[in-house]
Amino acid sequence: MGSTRLPGKALTSIGVRPMLDWVVRRSARATLVDSVTVATTLDGRDDLITAFCDESGYPVFRGSEEDVLDRYWKATEATRADAIVRITSDCPLIDPEVIDLTVAGFLSNGGDVDYASNTLEPRTYPRGLDVEVFSRAALERAWREDLKPESREHVTPYMYRTTGLFRTLRVAASADYSDHRWTVDTPEDLAFARAVYDEFPDGEFGYREVLGFLSSHPEIRLLNAGIKQKVIRVKP
């Protein structure tokens, strides 16, 4: 709830539901995901998130606000997960099919992959369909060895930026859609997401349907066309 560019964004409404509700519901529709847990912080502002999860019947775990890597590891211990699928709560257009494709890539290599993602460069999916899958062992190693607060805030940079320690897999779309911005971090992004849900109010859509909608209504893309993604900077 403490987002600086869009305060309270996790529970802001998009159509008939709060954004977090859409993210949980759409993530849970992925057939290769066994369960979904909301990992929020101990900050008092996030009591609202815990209350919402309790009312909705969603499992919730609370941990460090700034050391998100620690929060993920302790949530993993609490849920006894063998593999972790990371979805950020500012992605209300997250696609269950894309989640399944990424998880399938992780699983299909017979344990030879520590980290699979559709965000590895060169990225091809729209920003906002980001999926990361990693093993419990990889998460524990990062939790023990990554000593940089600026990367622990983002959980996974140690896994995909540390040469030679982790076996990674890049998952790509059939075409390059990386110029699309579907994440919600600003009021302009929120206006974009609301416009999409105005077109698909029941939430029954995938990324292809959104691409088709935007092709017919290019003015919707202009709503957040000027927003730049914040860059993760980690000191050497």
Foldseek 3Di string as FASTA:
>chain_A
DPFPQDPPQLQDDQFPGRLLVLVQVQQVPQPPDPADEAQEEPDPVCVVVVVVCVVVVHHYHYYHQQQVLVSVLVVCVVVVDFKDKDADSQQSQAHSVLQNQQVCVCPVVPNQFAKEWQVPPPHADEASNTIMMGGSVLSVVCVVPVPFSLVSSVNPPCAPVPPPPGHYHHDYDPGHPHLAHQGDRHPLNSQLSSVQCVVVVVSPDHVVVVVVVCVVVVVSRVSCNPDDDDDRDTDD
